[in-house]
Every structure is written in C-alpha cells, then in structure tokens.
C-alpha cells in the first residue's frame, strides 16, 4: 500500500479536492451536496491518475535519478500502473457524469490535457503553462457542478475567470521551478520564479485594495497567512537557489498550500457573485476551505509530494 500511495503522491490529492470544493461554492452551490461529493471523489481520482501517469512517462529518467520509486524499483509493474490510471480516469468521468454532464465534459478536457502534458509538452517551454491549464480545468470542473448547460461557462462574473487564471499562473510557477528539482535550479530560474511569485501576491493585493468590501480585508489577511506559510521554504530558496533540497522544499510547500489560492478565489467570487448578501454566504465556506491543507501537511511527513 505504501508503494501505491507514493505512486499517486497522496499528499497532493487534497489540493485537488480543494479545487472541486472551491469551484462548487464559487458558482453558487445550487447543485445538491451529493453532486459536490461526487465531484470531490472525481477530483481526487484525476490527480492520482495524473501523478501515476507522470511516473509512467518518467520511468526511464527515474531509473537513473530515483531508482527507489515504485515503477523503476519494480514494486509496481507498468501494466498495473496503466490499469490504475485508466481505471481512475474512467471512474472519475462516470462520477462527474452522475453529478453533472457539463462537469464530465470539462473532466474529459482535463484528461486530454493531462495526457498532452505528460507525453507532449513536459520538458518544453509550454510545459508549465500546460500544467497550469490542467489545474484550471480541475477548478472549472468543480464550477460546472452547478451548470445545466455548457453555455453557462461563458456567462460567469469576471472574478471567476480571475480565480482560474490565478490558479493556473500559480501552478505554472510551481512547475517551472520543479523542472530542475533533482539537479538543482540555476540562479536565473530561481530568480524568475521569485519575481513571478511576487507578481502573483502583488496582483491579489491590488485586487483587495481596489475592491471596497470587508471581504477585501479578509483577502489581504489570507495573503499574509499564505506568505507566512511559504516564508521558510522560499527563504531557503533565496539563500541557496541552486540547492536541490531548497527547491524540493519550496515546491512541496507550494503544492501543499494550493488550497489558499482556492480560498482567495472563493472570497473574490463572494464579492461579485453574492453582492446582495455582501459575501456573507461565501466567506465561511471559503475560510473552511483552508482546512484542505491539513491532511497534505500531515501525510507529507511520510510521503513525498513532488
């Protein structure tokens, strides 16, 4: 069981659940809670299948760089890994179809994007953007749980699209930094990553300043909390930008704090999507979404995230 949990990167699963959870609340939470439950399970299956597929695609490189991992060590066979991937993708799409056919349509796009990343774009300049698109589609699938027609995807308030872009940009930065995790990054790559993260925080801070709502103060406080969570790992990367250990710690911290990006998106949606209630319906569920970080942080003590 330990080998299977390593194959699917179990600490990262909860950040994917956070995407589905946030998307459901961002678009009004009109669908029954059973749809949310199905969407959560589907999101978990998608990320586990994607992580296993990543190891399948990287098996030759892992034989040289990380031979103790499940596939190169022989603890799990390639045929078994492929069966798991196909089975998890299929089950995820079935569950999404039961929850919302529109969500299943977005999920099918996500499956295609995951295969495109692993067997086409990984290692290219478009790789980080491709991975960012995968996470955007995962969040969009959660949003679509409340949709009865694909047309609804194109008539949502602007902050929802901003939340998608925010998540995609954040994940693209993580992927960009993680590319040379084993050998260690160049100083230039680490510098570009730090500039990108600063721009991400600055964009959210500017949004909070320019939107006059008490929720904007909550957004700012969540940003401060996020910066505090990342401060140790990012500080280590600044001091030792070429260190593989510093890069690994930073990538792991960024992945485990992904639910914060979803919380920010939910708060922004609360300002725009529920103006008649001043976001009173949104903010408790948004802050509760931060709890998705806890299981990943605990499991990261025993299993690698990246």
Protein backbone atom coordinates (compact mmCIF):
# COMPACT_ATOMS: atom_id res chain seq x y z
CA UNK A 1 0.00 0.00 0.00
CA UNK A 2 2.86 2.38 0.75
CA UNK A 3 4.15 1.99 -2.81
CA UNK A 4 0.73 2.80 -4.27
CA UNK A 5 0.38 5.87 -2.06
CA UNK A 6 3.80 7.03 -3.24
CA UNK A 7 2.83 6.44 -6.87
CA UNK A 8 -0.22 8.72 -6.63
CA UNK A 9 1.56 11.38 -4.48
CA UNK A 10 -1.04 11.09 -1.74
CA UNK A 11 -0.18 14.43 -0.03
CA UNK A 12 -1.18 16.36 -3.17
CA UNK A 13 -4.61 14.76 -3.51
CA UNK A 14 -6.23 17.16 -1.07
CA UNK A 15 -5.26 20.21 -3.06
CA UNK A 16 -7.23 18.71 -5.95
CA UNK A 17 -10.24 18.18 -3.67
CA UNK A 18 -9.90 21.84 -2.74
CA UNK A 19 -10.29 22.78 -6.42
CA UNK A 20 -13.60 20.95 -6.73
CA UNK A 21 -14.82 22.28 -3.38
CA UNK A 22 -13.98 25.87 -4.28
CA UNK A 23 -15.47 25.66 -7.75
CA UNK A 24 -18.76 24.38 -6.35
CA UNK A 25 -19.11 27.36 -4.00
CA UNK A 26 -17.82 29.91 -6.49
CA UNK A 27 -20.73 29.30 -8.84
CA UNK A 28 -23.46 29.42 -6.23
CA UNK A 29 -23.68 25.92 -4.72
CA UNK A 30 -27.02 25.32 -6.42
CA UNK A 31 -26.48 21.62 -7.11
CA UNK A 32 -27.24 19.16 -4.29
CA UNK A 33 -24.49 18.26 -1.91
CA UNK A 34 -24.39 14.78 -3.42
CA UNK A 35 -23.05 16.39 -6.60
CA UNK A 36 -20.31 18.05 -4.57
CA UNK A 37 -19.42 14.68 -3.03
CA UNK A 38 -19.18 13.02 -6.42
CA UNK A 39 -17.14 15.94 -7.73
CA UNK A 40 -14.71 15.69 -4.82
CA UNK A 41 -14.09 11.98 -5.37
CA UNK A 42 -13.64 12.58 -9.11
CA UNK A 43 -11.12 15.36 -8.47
CA UNK A 44 -9.12 13.06 -6.21
CA UNK A 45 -9.12 10.31 -8.82
CA UNK A 46 -7.99 12.74 -11.53
CA UNK A 47 -4.95 13.95 -9.62
CA UNK A 48 -3.96 10.44 -8.51
CA UNK A 49 -4.24 9.14 -12.07
CA UNK A 50 -2.27 12.14 -13.31
CA UNK A 51 0.52 11.59 -10.81
CA UNK A 52 0.76 7.89 -11.67
CA UNK A 53 0.80 8.77 -15.37
CA UNK A 54 3.64 11.20 -14.67
CA UNK A 55 5.69 8.34 -13.21
CA UNK A 56 4.87 6.16 -16.23
CA UNK A 57 6.09 8.88 -18.57
CA UNK A 58 9.25 9.46 -16.48
CA UNK A 59 10.13 5.85 -15.74
CA UNK A 60 13.36 5.87 -17.77
CA UNK A 61 14.59 9.08 -16.15
CA UNK A 62 13.62 7.74 -12.71
CA UNK A 63 15.65 4.59 -13.30
CA UNK A 64 18.71 6.82 -13.42
CA UNK A 65 17.78 9.55 -10.94
CA UNK A 66 15.32 7.97 -8.48
CA UNK A 67 15.56 4.18 -8.77
CA UNK A 68 13.82 3.61 -5.43
CA UNK A 69 10.48 4.88 -6.74
CA UNK A 70 7.64 2.37 -7.25
CA UNK A 71 7.97 1.81 -11.02
CA UNK A 72 11.76 1.72 -11.56
CA UNK A 73 12.20 -0.41 -8.43
CA UNK A 74 9.67 -2.95 -9.70
CA UNK A 75 7.44 -2.60 -6.63
CA UNK A 76 4.58 -1.84 -9.04
CA UNK A 77 4.57 -3.14 -12.60
CA UNK A 78 3.97 -0.88 -15.59
CA UNK A 79 0.88 -2.88 -16.58
CA UNK A 80 -0.58 -2.41 -13.12
CA UNK A 81 0.17 1.31 -13.20
CA UNK A 82 -1.53 1.67 -16.59
CA UNK A 83 -4.56 -0.23 -15.32
CA UNK A 84 -4.80 2.08 -12.33
CA UNK A 85 -4.52 5.19 -14.48
CA UNK A 86 -7.18 4.12 -16.97
CA UNK A 87 -9.48 2.86 -14.23
CA UNK A 88 -9.23 6.03 -12.16
CA UNK A 89 -9.80 8.29 -15.16
CA UNK A 90 -12.83 6.25 -16.24
CA UNK A 91 -14.35 6.17 -12.76
CA UNK A 92 -13.78 9.90 -12.31
CA UNK A 93 -15.64 10.69 -15.54
CA UNK A 94 -18.52 8.40 -14.59
CA UNK A 95 -18.87 10.08 -11.19
CA UNK A 96 -18.78 13.53 -12.81
CA UNK A 97 -21.44 12.49 -15.31
CA UNK A 98 -23.69 11.40 -12.44
CA UNK A 99 -23.09 14.76 -10.74
CA UNK A 100 -23.35 16.95 -13.85
CA UNK A 101 -22.84 16.12 -17.55
CA UNK A 102 -21.30 19.59 -18.00
CA UNK A 103 -18.71 18.78 -15.33
CA UNK A 104 -17.96 15.48 -17.08
CA UNK A 105 -17.40 17.37 -20.34
CA UNK A 106 -14.85 19.60 -18.60
CA UNK A 107 -13.36 16.49 -16.99
CA UNK A 108 -12.84 14.90 -20.41
CA UNK A 109 -10.90 18.01 -21.45
CA UNK A 110 -8.84 17.63 -18.28
CA UNK A 111 -7.96 14.02 -19.13
CA UNK A 112 -6.79 15.14 -22.57
CA UNK A 113 -4.73 17.97 -21.03
CA UNK A 114 -3.06 15.55 -18.59
CA UNK A 115 -2.02 13.19 -21.40
CA UNK A 116 -0.84 16.13 -23.52
CA UNK A 117 1.34 17.40 -20.68
CA UNK A 118 2.93 14.05 -19.86
CA UNK A 119 3.55 12.81 -23.40
CA UNK A 120 3.87 16.02 -25.38
CA UNK A 121 4.60 19.25 -23.57
CA UNK A 122 6.52 18.28 -20.45
CA UNK A 123 10.09 19.46 -20.79
CA UNK A 124 9.17 22.13 -23.32
CA UNK A 125 8.69 25.84 -22.78
CA UNK A 126 4.93 25.23 -22.82
CA UNK A 127 5.13 22.59 -20.08
CA UNK A 128 4.43 24.88 -17.10
CA UNK A 129 1.52 26.53 -18.91
CA UNK A 130 0.14 23.10 -19.77
CA UNK A 131 0.23 22.01 -16.14
CA UNK A 132 -1.41 25.28 -15.14
CA UNK A 133 -4.19 24.52 -17.65
CA UNK A 134 -4.73 21.12 -16.02
CA UNK A 135 -5.39 22.74 -12.65
CA UNK A 136 -7.60 25.39 -14.24
CA UNK A 137 -9.73 22.65 -15.81
CA UNK A 138 -9.92 20.84 -12.46
CA UNK A 139 -11.28 24.01 -10.84
CA UNK A 140 -13.59 24.60 -13.81
CA UNK A 141 -14.99 21.08 -13.42
CA UNK A 142 -15.93 21.97 -9.85
CA UNK A 143 -17.60 25.16 -11.07
CA UNK A 144 -19.52 23.17 -13.68
CA UNK A 145 -21.16 21.01 -11.00
CA UNK A 146 -23.77 23.78 -10.81
CA UNK A 147 -24.22 24.17 -14.59
CA UNK A 148 -27.01 22.62 -16.65
CA UNK A 149 -25.61 23.84 -19.98
CA UNK A 150 -22.05 24.37 -21.30
CA UNK A 151 -23.10 27.91 -22.25
CA UNK A 152 -23.12 28.82 -18.56
CA UNK A 153 -19.33 28.53 -18.61
CA UNK A 154 -19.11 31.72 -20.67
CA UNK A 155 -21.51 33.96 -18.72
CA UNK A 156 -19.97 33.97 -15.25
CA UNK A 157 -18.77 37.05 -13.30
CA UNK A 158 -15.27 38.22 -14.16
CA UNK A 159 -13.76 37.30 -10.75
CA UNK A 160 -14.41 33.64 -11.52
CA UNK A 161 -12.21 33.81 -14.58
CA UNK A 162 -9.69 35.71 -12.48
CA UNK A 163 -9.67 32.84 -9.98
CA UNK A 164 -8.99 30.38 -12.81
CA UNK A 165 -6.12 32.48 -14.14
CA UNK A 166 -4.70 32.94 -10.63
CA UNK A 167 -4.62 29.19 -10.03
CA UNK A 168 -3.18 28.47 -13.47
CA UNK A 169 -0.41 31.04 -13.08
CA UNK A 170 0.46 29.77 -9.59
CA UNK A 171 0.71 26.15 -10.76
CA UNK A 172 2.71 27.18 -13.83
CA UNK A 173 5.23 28.84 -11.49
CA UNK A 174 5.46 25.70 -9.36
CA UNK A 175 6.01 23.56 -12.45
CA UNK A 176 8.62 25.95 -13.78
CA UNK A 177 10.59 25.77 -10.52
CA UNK A 178 10.21 21.98 -10.23
CA UNK A 179 11.71 21.26 -13.65
CA UNK A 180 15.27 21.02 -12.30
CA UNK A 181 14.37 19.75 -8.85
CA UNK A 182 16.72 16.76 -8.93
CA UNK A 183 19.90 18.51 -10.08
CA UNK A 184 19.09 21.92 -8.63
CA UNK A 185 17.94 25.09 -10.34
CA UNK A 186 20.01 27.78 -11.96
CA UNK A 187 20.15 31.13 -10.22
CA UNK A 188 18.24 32.63 -13.15
CA UNK A 189 15.38 30.14 -12.90
CA UNK A 190 15.06 30.69 -9.15
CA UNK A 191 15.11 34.46 -9.68
CA UNK A 192 12.39 34.32 -12.33
CA UNK A 193 10.29 32.15 -10.04
CA UNK A 194 10.64 34.62 -7.16
CA UNK A 195 9.69 37.51 -9.44
CA UNK A 196 6.63 35.58 -10.62
CA UNK A 197 5.52 34.83 -7.06
CA UNK A 198 5.97 38.47 -6.10
CA UNK A 199 3.81 39.46 -9.07
CA UNK A 200 1.14 36.94 -8.03
CA UNK A 201 0.99 38.33 -4.49
CA UNK A 202 1.02 41.90 -5.82
CA UNK A 203 -1.89 41.21 -8.16
CA UNK A 204 -4.05 39.84 -5.35
CA UNK A 205 -3.05 42.71 -3.07
CA UNK A 206 -4.03 45.20 -5.77
CA UNK A 207 -7.39 43.48 -6.15
CA UNK A 208 -8.00 43.71 -2.41
CA UNK A 209 -7.12 47.41 -2.36
CA UNK A 210 -9.34 48.31 -5.31
CA UNK A 211 -12.48 46.42 -4.23
CA UNK A 212 -14.30 48.15 -1.40
CA UNK A 213 -15.71 45.32 0.69
CA UNK A 214 -14.99 43.92 4.09
CA UNK A 215 -14.13 40.71 2.27
CA UNK A 216 -11.19 42.52 0.72
CA UNK A 217 -9.67 42.77 4.20
CA UNK A 218 -10.14 39.01 4.58
CA UNK A 219 -8.37 38.51 1.23
CA UNK A 220 -5.42 40.56 2.47
CA UNK A 221 -5.24 38.58 5.72
CA UNK A 222 -5.29 35.30 3.81
CA UNK A 223 -2.45 36.60 1.62
CA UNK A 224 -0.41 37.40 4.73
CA UNK A 225 -1.14 33.93 6.08
CA UNK A 226 -0.03 32.37 2.80
CA UNK A 227 3.20 34.37 2.77
CA UNK A 228 3.90 33.21 6.32
CA UNK A 229 3.34 29.55 5.35
CA UNK A 230 5.79 29.87 2.46
CA UNK A 231 8.35 32.08 4.18
CA UNK A 232 10.61 29.30 5.47
CA UNK A 233 10.84 27.36 2.20
CA UNK A 234 11.08 30.41 -0.05
CA UNK A 235 13.68 31.96 2.27
CA UNK A 236 15.78 28.83 1.93
CA UNK A 237 15.50 29.03 -1.85
CA UNK A 238 16.63 32.66 -1.83
CA UNK A 239 19.68 31.77 0.24
CA UNK A 240 20.55 28.64 -1.78
CA UNK A 241 18.92 28.98 -5.22
CA UNK A 242 20.90 26.10 -6.75
CA UNK A 243 20.25 23.62 -3.92
CA UNK A 244 18.06 20.63 -4.90
CA UNK A 245 16.90 20.36 -1.28
CA UNK A 246 15.82 24.01 -1.18
CA UNK A 247 13.97 23.60 -4.47
CA UNK A 248 12.23 20.44 -3.26
CA UNK A 249 11.11 22.06 -0.02
CA UNK A 250 9.77 25.08 -1.88
CA UNK A 251 7.88 23.01 -4.45
CA UNK A 252 6.38 20.86 -1.69
CA UNK A 253 5.30 23.91 0.30
CA UNK A 254 3.72 25.49 -2.76
CA UNK A 255 1.76 22.34 -3.57
CA UNK A 256 0.55 21.87 -0.02
CA UNK A 257 -0.66 25.50 0.16
CA UNK A 258 -2.59 25.33 -3.12
CA UNK A 259 -5.91 25.44 -1.20
CA UNK A 260 -5.07 29.03 -0.26
CA UNK A 261 -5.38 30.01 -3.92
CA UNK A 262 -8.84 28.44 -3.98
CA UNK A 263 -9.82 30.32 -0.83
CA UNK A 264 -8.78 33.61 -2.42
CA UNK A 265 -10.87 32.79 -5.48
CA UNK A 266 -13.89 31.97 -3.33
CA UNK A 267 -13.57 35.26 -1.45
CA UNK A 268 -13.29 37.20 -4.72
CA UNK A 269 -16.36 35.39 -6.03
CA UNK A 270 -18.18 36.27 -2.82
CA UNK A 271 -17.67 39.96 -3.54
CA UNK A 272 -19.03 39.70 -7.10
CA UNK A 273 -21.38 36.72 -7.10
CA UNK A 274 -23.38 37.36 -3.94
CA UNK A 275 -23.44 41.19 -3.70
CA UNK A 276 -26.90 41.23 -2.16
CA UNK A 277 -25.53 39.34 0.82
CA UNK A 278 -22.15 41.11 0.86
CA UNK A 279 -20.49 37.74 0.60
CA UNK A 280 -21.95 36.58 3.91
CA UNK A 281 -22.81 33.27 2.28
CA UNK A 282 -19.34 32.83 0.82
CA UNK A 283 -16.69 33.70 3.35
CA UNK A 284 -17.30 30.97 5.99
CA UNK A 285 -17.06 28.26 3.33
CA UNK A 286 -14.02 29.97 1.82
CA UNK A 287 -12.10 30.01 5.11
CA UNK A 288 -13.20 26.45 5.84
CA UNK A 289 -11.50 25.52 2.56
CA UNK A 290 -8.14 26.25 4.17
CA UNK A 291 -8.60 23.01 6.10
CA UNK A 292 -7.79 21.07 2.91
CA UNK A 293 -4.13 21.89 3.66
CA UNK A 294 -4.04 19.88 6.87
CA UNK A 295 -4.14 16.27 5.59
CA UNK A 296 -1.48 17.00 2.98
CA UNK A 297 0.85 18.56 5.56
CA UNK A 298 0.50 15.51 7.80
CA UNK A 299 0.97 12.97 5.01
CA UNK A 300 3.98 14.87 3.64
CA UNK A 301 5.91 13.72 6.70
CA UNK A 302 5.81 10.17 5.37
CA UNK A 303 5.33 10.52 1.61
CA UNK A 304 6.96 12.78 -0.96
CA UNK A 305 4.78 15.35 -2.73
CA UNK A 306 6.82 16.05 -5.85
